[in-house]
N, C-alpha and C. Protein backbone atom coordinates (compact mmCIF):
# COMPACT_ATOMS: atom_id res chain seq x y z
N MET A 1 44.48 -7.41 2.41
CA MET A 1 43.62 -8.07 1.06
C MET A 1 44.50 -9.37 1.04
N ARG A 2 43.66 -10.40 0.66
CA ARG A 2 44.18 -11.74 0.38
C ARG A 2 43.99 -12.07 -1.16
N ILE A 3 44.94 -12.46 -1.86
CA ILE A 3 44.39 -13.17 -3.23
C ILE A 3 44.34 -14.52 -3.21
N SER A 4 42.98 -14.85 -3.80
CA SER A 4 42.67 -16.31 -3.73
C SER A 4 43.55 -17.46 -4.50
N GLN A 5 43.44 -18.34 -4.22
CA GLN A 5 44.19 -19.42 -4.86
C GLN A 5 43.95 -19.56 -6.21
N LYS A 6 42.57 -19.17 -6.32
CA LYS A 6 41.80 -19.50 -7.95
C LYS A 6 42.34 -18.23 -8.90
N VAL A 7 42.87 -17.16 -8.40
CA VAL A 7 43.42 -15.88 -9.02
C VAL A 7 44.83 -16.38 -9.22
N GLU A 8 45.37 -16.93 -8.38
CA GLU A 8 47.11 -17.46 -7.97
C GLU A 8 47.10 -18.15 -9.63
N TYR A 9 46.35 -19.32 -9.14
CA TYR A 9 46.59 -20.62 -10.47
C TYR A 9 46.05 -19.73 -11.87
N ALA A 10 45.06 -18.84 -12.15
CA ALA A 10 44.70 -18.19 -13.22
C ALA A 10 45.97 -17.27 -13.96
N VAL A 11 46.84 -16.81 -12.92
CA VAL A 11 47.80 -15.77 -13.54
C VAL A 11 48.98 -16.63 -13.67
N ARG A 12 49.04 -17.87 -12.68
CA ARG A 12 50.09 -18.70 -13.43
C ARG A 12 50.01 -19.48 -14.90
N ALA A 13 48.65 -19.98 -14.72
CA ALA A 13 48.34 -20.46 -16.00
C ALA A 13 48.66 -19.51 -17.43
N MET A 14 48.50 -18.27 -17.36
CA MET A 14 48.40 -17.30 -18.34
C MET A 14 49.58 -17.14 -18.63
N ILE A 15 50.54 -17.09 -17.94
CA ILE A 15 51.62 -17.12 -17.90
C ILE A 15 52.41 -17.93 -18.78
N ASP A 16 52.28 -18.98 -18.32
CA ASP A 16 52.70 -20.21 -18.91
C ASP A 16 52.20 -20.12 -20.31
N LEU A 17 51.27 -19.74 -20.75
CA LEU A 17 50.81 -19.68 -22.01
C LEU A 17 51.07 -18.67 -22.85
N ALA A 18 51.44 -17.57 -22.27
CA ALA A 18 52.12 -16.27 -22.88
C ALA A 18 53.76 -16.94 -23.24
N ALA A 19 54.28 -17.71 -22.26
CA ALA A 19 55.65 -18.00 -22.58
C ALA A 19 55.60 -19.12 -23.60
N GLN A 20 54.43 -19.70 -23.83
CA GLN A 20 54.43 -20.97 -25.25
C GLN A 20 54.34 -20.06 -26.13
N GLY A 21 53.82 -18.90 -26.29
CA GLY A 21 53.69 -17.97 -27.67
C GLY A 21 52.24 -18.45 -28.23
N GLY A 22 52.02 -17.71 -29.15
CA GLY A 22 50.19 -17.66 -29.44
C GLY A 22 50.13 -18.77 -30.77
N ASP A 23 51.18 -19.35 -31.37
CA ASP A 23 51.28 -20.08 -32.75
C ASP A 23 50.52 -21.63 -32.40
N HIS A 24 50.76 -22.02 -31.38
CA HIS A 24 50.00 -23.38 -31.10
C HIS A 24 49.08 -23.79 -29.98
N THR A 25 48.32 -24.92 -29.89
CA THR A 25 47.86 -24.57 -28.59
C THR A 25 48.43 -25.46 -27.46
N VAL A 26 48.00 -25.74 -26.28
CA VAL A 26 48.83 -26.16 -25.42
C VAL A 26 47.83 -26.99 -24.55
N ARG A 27 48.25 -28.43 -24.46
CA ARG A 27 47.45 -29.13 -23.19
C ARG A 27 47.47 -28.56 -21.75
N SER A 28 46.37 -28.86 -21.47
CA SER A 28 46.10 -28.35 -20.14
C SER A 28 47.03 -29.45 -19.18
N GLY A 29 47.12 -30.52 -19.27
CA GLY A 29 48.33 -31.32 -18.66
C GLY A 29 49.65 -30.69 -18.24
N ALA A 30 49.84 -30.25 -19.74
CA ALA A 30 51.23 -29.74 -19.79
C ALA A 30 51.31 -28.17 -18.97
N ILE A 31 50.38 -27.22 -18.78
CA ILE A 31 49.96 -26.17 -18.39
C ILE A 31 50.19 -26.41 -16.91
N ALA A 32 49.40 -27.48 -16.60
CA ALA A 32 49.27 -27.60 -15.01
C ALA A 32 50.40 -28.18 -14.54
N ARG A 33 51.29 -28.90 -15.22
CA ARG A 33 52.59 -29.35 -14.96
C ARG A 33 53.52 -28.37 -14.56
N ARG A 34 53.82 -27.30 -15.53
CA ARG A 34 54.69 -26.36 -15.41
C ARG A 34 54.22 -25.10 -14.80
N ALA A 35 53.05 -24.90 -14.50
CA ALA A 35 52.56 -23.71 -13.59
C ALA A 35 52.34 -24.29 -12.18
N GLY A 36 52.24 -25.41 -11.95
CA GLY A 36 52.20 -26.15 -10.32
C GLY A 36 50.52 -25.90 -10.03
N VAL A 37 50.10 -26.33 -10.66
CA VAL A 37 48.43 -26.21 -10.61
C VAL A 37 47.70 -27.58 -10.77
N PRO A 38 46.97 -28.05 -9.90
CA PRO A 38 46.07 -29.25 -10.38
C PRO A 38 45.25 -29.22 -11.51
N GLU A 39 45.50 -30.36 -12.19
CA GLU A 39 44.74 -30.18 -13.46
C GLU A 39 43.20 -29.90 -13.71
N LYS A 40 42.49 -30.65 -12.68
CA LYS A 40 40.78 -30.62 -12.68
C LYS A 40 40.72 -29.44 -12.44
N TYR A 41 41.51 -28.34 -11.43
CA TYR A 41 40.90 -27.38 -11.26
C TYR A 41 41.18 -26.28 -12.17
N LEU A 42 42.62 -26.30 -13.10
CA LEU A 42 42.87 -25.67 -13.90
C LEU A 42 42.02 -25.75 -15.42
N GLU A 43 41.53 -26.95 -15.55
CA GLU A 43 40.33 -27.19 -16.52
C GLU A 43 39.21 -26.13 -16.52
N ALA A 44 38.67 -26.04 -14.96
CA ALA A 44 37.58 -25.21 -14.58
C ALA A 44 37.86 -23.54 -14.66
N ILE A 45 38.97 -23.12 -14.40
CA ILE A 45 39.72 -21.83 -14.60
C ILE A 45 39.87 -21.57 -16.06
N LEU A 46 40.38 -22.49 -16.86
CA LEU A 46 40.15 -22.27 -18.15
C LEU A 46 38.96 -21.85 -19.10
N VAL A 47 38.13 -22.61 -18.39
CA VAL A 47 36.70 -22.29 -19.06
C VAL A 47 36.23 -20.81 -18.61
N GLU A 48 36.54 -20.58 -17.44
CA GLU A 48 36.25 -19.25 -17.20
C GLU A 48 36.93 -17.95 -17.79
N LEU A 49 38.29 -18.33 -18.14
CA LEU A 49 39.20 -17.42 -18.67
C LEU A 49 38.66 -17.66 -20.36
N GLY A 50 38.01 -18.72 -20.75
CA GLY A 50 37.57 -18.69 -22.17
C GLY A 50 36.16 -17.86 -21.98
N ARG A 51 35.44 -17.83 -21.47
CA ARG A 51 34.08 -17.15 -21.20
C ARG A 51 34.32 -15.54 -21.19
N ALA A 52 35.77 -15.38 -20.71
CA ALA A 52 36.05 -13.73 -20.45
C ALA A 52 36.60 -13.33 -21.80
N GLY A 53 37.07 -14.49 -22.86
CA GLY A 53 37.93 -13.81 -24.04
C GLY A 53 39.20 -13.87 -23.95
N LEU A 54 39.87 -14.49 -22.82
CA LEU A 54 41.35 -14.19 -22.59
C LEU A 54 42.06 -15.49 -23.36
N VAL A 55 41.32 -16.80 -23.33
CA VAL A 55 41.87 -17.95 -23.88
C VAL A 55 40.68 -18.56 -24.79
N GLN A 56 41.17 -19.22 -25.60
CA GLN A 56 41.05 -20.25 -26.74
C GLN A 56 41.03 -21.51 -26.47
N SER A 57 40.22 -22.34 -26.67
CA SER A 57 40.38 -23.73 -26.54
C SER A 57 39.87 -24.36 -27.78
N ARG A 58 40.33 -25.52 -27.89
CA ARG A 58 40.06 -26.36 -28.85
C ARG A 58 40.11 -27.86 -28.55
N ARG A 59 39.15 -28.74 -28.81
CA ARG A 59 38.95 -30.11 -28.21
C ARG A 59 39.65 -31.09 -29.25
N GLY A 60 40.18 -32.18 -29.13
CA GLY A 60 40.34 -33.29 -30.30
C GLY A 60 42.21 -33.28 -30.09
N PRO A 61 42.37 -34.33 -30.96
CA PRO A 61 43.96 -34.90 -30.83
C PRO A 61 44.96 -33.48 -30.91
N ASP A 62 44.51 -32.39 -31.82
CA ASP A 62 45.46 -31.39 -31.77
C ASP A 62 44.84 -30.34 -30.95
N GLY A 63 44.27 -30.65 -30.10
CA GLY A 63 43.28 -29.49 -28.89
C GLY A 63 44.27 -29.06 -28.14
N GLY A 64 43.89 -28.15 -27.20
CA GLY A 64 44.58 -27.61 -26.26
C GLY A 64 43.83 -26.02 -26.10
N HIS A 65 45.10 -25.00 -25.39
CA HIS A 65 44.57 -23.91 -25.20
C HIS A 65 45.56 -22.81 -25.67
N ARG A 66 44.93 -21.48 -25.87
CA ARG A 66 46.00 -20.71 -26.34
C ARG A 66 45.56 -19.17 -25.90
N LEU A 67 46.43 -18.42 -25.83
CA LEU A 67 45.74 -16.97 -25.45
C LEU A 67 44.96 -16.44 -26.74
N ALA A 68 43.80 -15.80 -26.46
CA ALA A 68 42.84 -15.33 -27.28
C ALA A 68 43.47 -13.95 -28.01
N ARG A 69 44.46 -13.36 -27.34
CA ARG A 69 44.63 -12.16 -28.17
C ARG A 69 46.35 -11.81 -27.59
N PRO A 70 46.97 -10.86 -28.00
CA PRO A 70 48.28 -10.94 -27.71
C PRO A 70 48.57 -10.54 -25.89
N ALA A 71 49.49 -11.23 -25.44
CA ALA A 71 49.69 -11.06 -23.89
C ALA A 71 50.20 -9.37 -23.53
N SER A 72 50.46 -8.84 -24.61
CA SER A 72 50.68 -7.26 -24.20
C SER A 72 49.60 -6.63 -24.14
N SER A 73 48.44 -7.24 -24.36
CA SER A 73 46.95 -6.58 -24.67
C SER A 73 46.20 -6.68 -23.02
N MET A 74 46.81 -7.98 -22.31
CA MET A 74 45.93 -8.41 -21.22
C MET A 74 46.68 -7.84 -20.17
N ARG A 75 45.73 -7.24 -19.13
CA ARG A 75 46.12 -6.86 -17.87
C ARG A 75 45.88 -7.97 -16.75
N VAL A 76 46.60 -7.87 -15.95
CA VAL A 76 46.46 -8.91 -14.64
C VAL A 76 44.95 -8.48 -14.08
N HIS A 77 44.51 -7.46 -14.14
CA HIS A 77 43.16 -6.80 -13.77
C HIS A 77 42.21 -7.74 -14.55
N ASP A 78 42.57 -7.99 -15.83
CA ASP A 78 41.66 -8.88 -16.62
C ASP A 78 41.23 -10.39 -16.25
N ILE A 79 42.43 -11.02 -15.98
CA ILE A 79 42.56 -12.06 -15.38
C ILE A 79 41.74 -12.17 -14.18
N TYR A 80 42.21 -11.15 -13.17
CA TYR A 80 41.33 -11.25 -12.19
C TYR A 80 40.03 -11.14 -12.14
N ALA A 81 39.84 -10.45 -13.07
CA ALA A 81 38.25 -10.08 -12.93
C ALA A 81 37.41 -11.44 -13.79
N ALA A 82 38.30 -11.78 -14.38
CA ALA A 82 37.74 -13.19 -15.33
C ALA A 82 37.18 -14.66 -14.06
N VAL A 83 38.27 -14.70 -13.19
CA VAL A 83 37.82 -15.64 -12.31
C VAL A 83 36.98 -15.26 -10.97
N GLU A 84 37.56 -13.84 -10.64
CA GLU A 84 36.59 -13.42 -9.24
C GLU A 84 35.88 -12.37 -9.28
N GLY A 85 35.71 -12.01 -10.04
CA GLY A 85 34.60 -10.77 -10.52
C GLY A 85 35.17 -9.34 -10.18
N PRO A 86 34.50 -8.55 -10.06
CA PRO A 86 34.95 -7.05 -10.07
C PRO A 86 35.69 -7.08 -8.46
N LEU A 87 36.85 -6.17 -8.53
CA LEU A 87 37.38 -5.74 -7.49
C LEU A 87 36.54 -5.04 -6.79
N ALA A 88 36.54 -5.47 -5.25
CA ALA A 88 35.49 -4.67 -4.32
C ALA A 88 36.15 -4.52 -3.00
N LEU A 89 36.71 -3.95 -2.45
CA LEU A 89 37.08 -3.60 -1.14
C LEU A 89 36.07 -3.19 -0.23
N ALA A 90 35.84 -1.64 -0.80
CA ALA A 90 34.42 -0.83 -0.11
C ALA A 90 33.13 -1.35 -0.28
N PRO A 91 32.44 -1.62 1.18
CA PRO A 91 31.30 -1.81 0.98
C PRO A 91 30.30 -0.99 0.26
N PRO A 92 29.26 -1.24 -0.39
CA PRO A 92 28.54 -0.33 -1.34
C PRO A 92 28.20 1.00 -0.35
N ARG A 93 28.05 1.91 -1.27
CA ARG A 93 27.75 3.29 -0.60
C ARG A 93 26.45 3.29 0.42
N GLY A 94 25.29 2.41 0.01
CA GLY A 94 24.26 2.69 0.51
C GLY A 94 24.19 1.87 2.28
N ARG A 95 25.18 0.81 1.91
CA ARG A 95 25.25 0.35 3.45
C ARG A 95 25.75 0.91 4.43
N ARG A 96 25.11 1.36 5.38
CA ARG A 96 25.94 1.96 6.72
C ARG A 96 25.71 1.06 8.09
N ALA A 97 26.66 1.07 8.59
CA ALA A 97 26.76 0.14 9.84
C ALA A 97 26.86 1.32 11.17
N GLY A 98 27.42 2.30 10.79
CA GLY A 98 27.90 3.32 12.01
C GLY A 98 27.56 4.42 11.82
N PRO A 99 28.01 5.58 12.68
CA PRO A 99 28.00 6.97 12.33
C PRO A 99 28.18 7.08 11.06
N PRO A 100 27.52 7.94 10.56
CA PRO A 100 27.98 8.66 9.09
C PRO A 100 29.40 9.23 8.94
N GLY A 101 29.69 10.10 9.73
CA GLY A 101 31.13 10.36 9.46
C GLY A 101 31.79 9.51 9.37
N LEU A 102 31.73 8.29 10.24
CA LEU A 102 32.62 7.57 10.59
C LEU A 102 32.43 6.47 9.52
N ASP A 103 31.51 5.96 8.97
CA ASP A 103 31.40 5.46 7.51
C ASP A 103 32.04 5.84 6.53
N ARG A 104 31.79 7.39 6.40
CA ARG A 104 32.34 8.03 5.33
C ARG A 104 34.18 7.96 5.47
N VAL A 105 34.50 8.06 6.68
CA VAL A 105 36.04 8.24 6.67
C VAL A 105 36.78 6.67 6.48
N VAL A 106 35.86 5.63 7.03
CA VAL A 106 36.18 4.13 6.87
C VAL A 106 36.50 3.81 5.39
N GLY A 107 35.03 4.34 4.81
CA GLY A 107 34.76 3.84 3.35
C GLY A 107 35.77 4.37 2.05
N ASP A 108 36.26 5.70 2.92
CA ASP A 108 37.44 6.31 1.95
C ASP A 108 38.68 5.72 2.22
N VAL A 109 38.99 5.05 3.38
CA VAL A 109 40.44 4.49 3.47
C VAL A 109 40.09 3.30 2.26
N TRP A 110 39.04 2.57 2.41
CA TRP A 110 39.12 1.17 1.60
C TRP A 110 38.98 1.49 -0.02
N ARG A 111 38.35 2.65 -0.21
CA ARG A 111 38.20 2.92 -1.73
C ARG A 111 39.85 3.33 -2.11
N GLU A 112 40.36 4.08 -1.24
CA GLU A 112 41.80 4.40 -1.62
C GLU A 112 42.74 2.96 -1.80
N ILE A 113 42.52 2.41 -0.78
CA ILE A 113 43.45 0.86 -1.06
C ILE A 113 42.93 0.26 -2.51
N GLU A 114 41.65 0.14 -2.58
CA GLU A 114 41.14 -0.60 -3.88
C GLU A 114 41.70 0.19 -5.03
N ALA A 115 41.74 1.70 -5.22
CA ALA A 115 42.22 2.19 -6.38
C ALA A 115 43.76 2.02 -6.30
N ALA A 116 44.68 1.87 -5.35
CA ALA A 116 45.83 1.36 -5.37
C ALA A 116 46.15 0.25 -6.01
N VAL A 117 45.36 -0.90 -5.34
CA VAL A 117 45.40 -2.11 -6.01
C VAL A 117 45.19 -2.09 -7.39
N ARG A 118 44.10 -1.60 -7.81
CA ARG A 118 43.58 -1.37 -9.31
C ARG A 118 44.36 -0.83 -10.11
N THR A 119 45.25 0.02 -9.59
CA THR A 119 46.52 0.60 -10.69
C THR A 119 47.45 -0.20 -10.75
N VAL A 120 47.92 -0.95 -9.81
CA VAL A 120 48.99 -2.36 -10.15
C VAL A 120 48.39 -3.07 -10.86
N LEU A 121 46.95 -3.54 -10.71
CA LEU A 121 46.68 -4.70 -11.68
C LEU A 121 46.21 -4.07 -12.90
N ASP A 122 45.96 -2.95 -13.17
CA ASP A 122 45.68 -2.19 -14.45
C ASP A 122 46.91 -2.01 -15.04
N GLY A 123 48.04 -1.59 -14.16
CA GLY A 123 49.29 -1.45 -14.93
C GLY A 123 50.37 -2.43 -15.15
N THR A 124 50.06 -3.68 -15.42
CA THR A 124 50.79 -4.79 -15.24
C THR A 124 50.14 -5.43 -16.27
N THR A 125 50.92 -6.20 -17.24
CA THR A 125 50.50 -6.80 -18.53
C THR A 125 50.95 -8.11 -18.36
N LEU A 126 50.43 -9.02 -18.88
CA LEU A 126 50.88 -10.38 -18.97
C LEU A 126 51.98 -10.65 -19.66
N ASP A 127 52.37 -9.68 -20.80
CA ASP A 127 53.56 -10.02 -21.23
C ASP A 127 54.72 -9.57 -20.49
N GLU A 128 54.71 -8.47 -19.66
CA GLU A 128 55.47 -8.28 -18.48
C GLU A 128 55.78 -9.21 -17.72
N LEU A 129 54.74 -9.85 -17.15
CA LEU A 129 54.99 -11.01 -15.97
C LEU A 129 55.64 -12.02 -16.82
N ALA A 130 55.57 -12.54 -18.00
CA ALA A 130 56.23 -13.62 -18.75
C ALA A 130 57.36 -13.41 -18.95
N LYS A 131 57.76 -12.06 -19.33
CA LYS A 131 59.31 -11.66 -19.30
C LYS A 131 60.12 -11.44 -17.93
N ARG A 132 59.13 -11.29 -16.97
CA ARG A 132 59.94 -11.72 -15.69
C ARG A 132 60.09 -12.98 -15.21
N ALA A 133 58.96 -13.66 -15.68
CA ALA A 133 59.33 -15.15 -15.16
C ALA A 133 60.52 -15.60 -16.10
N GLN A 134 60.64 -15.59 -17.15
CA GLN A 134 61.58 -15.86 -17.97
C GLN A 134 63.10 -15.35 -17.59
N ALA A 135 62.85 -14.25 -17.35
CA ALA A 135 64.43 -13.60 -16.57
C ALA A 135 64.57 -14.34 -15.37
N GLY A 136 63.65 -14.90 -14.61
CA GLY A 136 64.14 -15.55 -13.09
C GLY A 136 64.58 -17.32 -13.79
N ARG A 137 63.95 -17.45 -14.70
CA ARG A 137 64.53 -19.00 -15.18
C ARG A 137 66.13 -18.43 -15.68
N ASP A 138 66.41 -17.50 -16.24
CA ASP A 138 67.65 -17.40 -17.14
C ASP A 138 68.67 -17.30 -16.23
N VAL A 139 68.32 -17.21 -14.73
CA VAL A 139 69.20 -16.95 -13.78
C VAL A 139 70.05 -18.13 -13.16
N LEU A 140 71.12 -18.19 -13.62
CA LEU A 140 72.00 -19.49 -12.87
C LEU A 140 71.45 -19.59 -11.30
N ASP A 141 71.74 -20.75 -11.02
CA ASP A 141 71.57 -21.21 -9.60
C ASP A 141 72.29 -21.96 -9.13
N PHE A 142 73.21 -21.60 -8.09
CA PHE A 142 74.45 -22.12 -7.79
C PHE A 142 74.43 -23.12 -6.49
N ASN A 143 72.93 -23.21 -6.02
CA ASN A 143 72.72 -23.90 -4.65
C ASN A 143 73.05 -25.39 -4.78
N ILE A 144 73.38 -25.72 -3.79
CA ILE A 144 74.09 -27.10 -3.82
C ILE A 144 73.27 -27.94 -2.56
């Protein structure tokens, strides 16, 4: 399974918003710089995250973006679904391409993998990711 660049950028942006706290809005340019996301692409992603109820946006001189609810209540799966749609590795049950027994066995494997991925996506909150990111920034780097 490969995570799309769009999902990667959405998660990075959401971690950045979580790290900024929920008190004020943050401009997309600042998010883009810190998260390493092209600003124009980020703006489109923020619209999708807003439609999903994860981000609130405000225009104007004091405008910007912020989380629509606490980071502790947002799962990585919420972010994934907002920009990518439902997670689906297994083909629909009605679509058969080979012998029924073989289709069932192969389909079962895809559903097991999908369940494992869903467990991680559902079990990881945005708050956890923001704390991990902060812990990584707090580590001293002695590389010369």
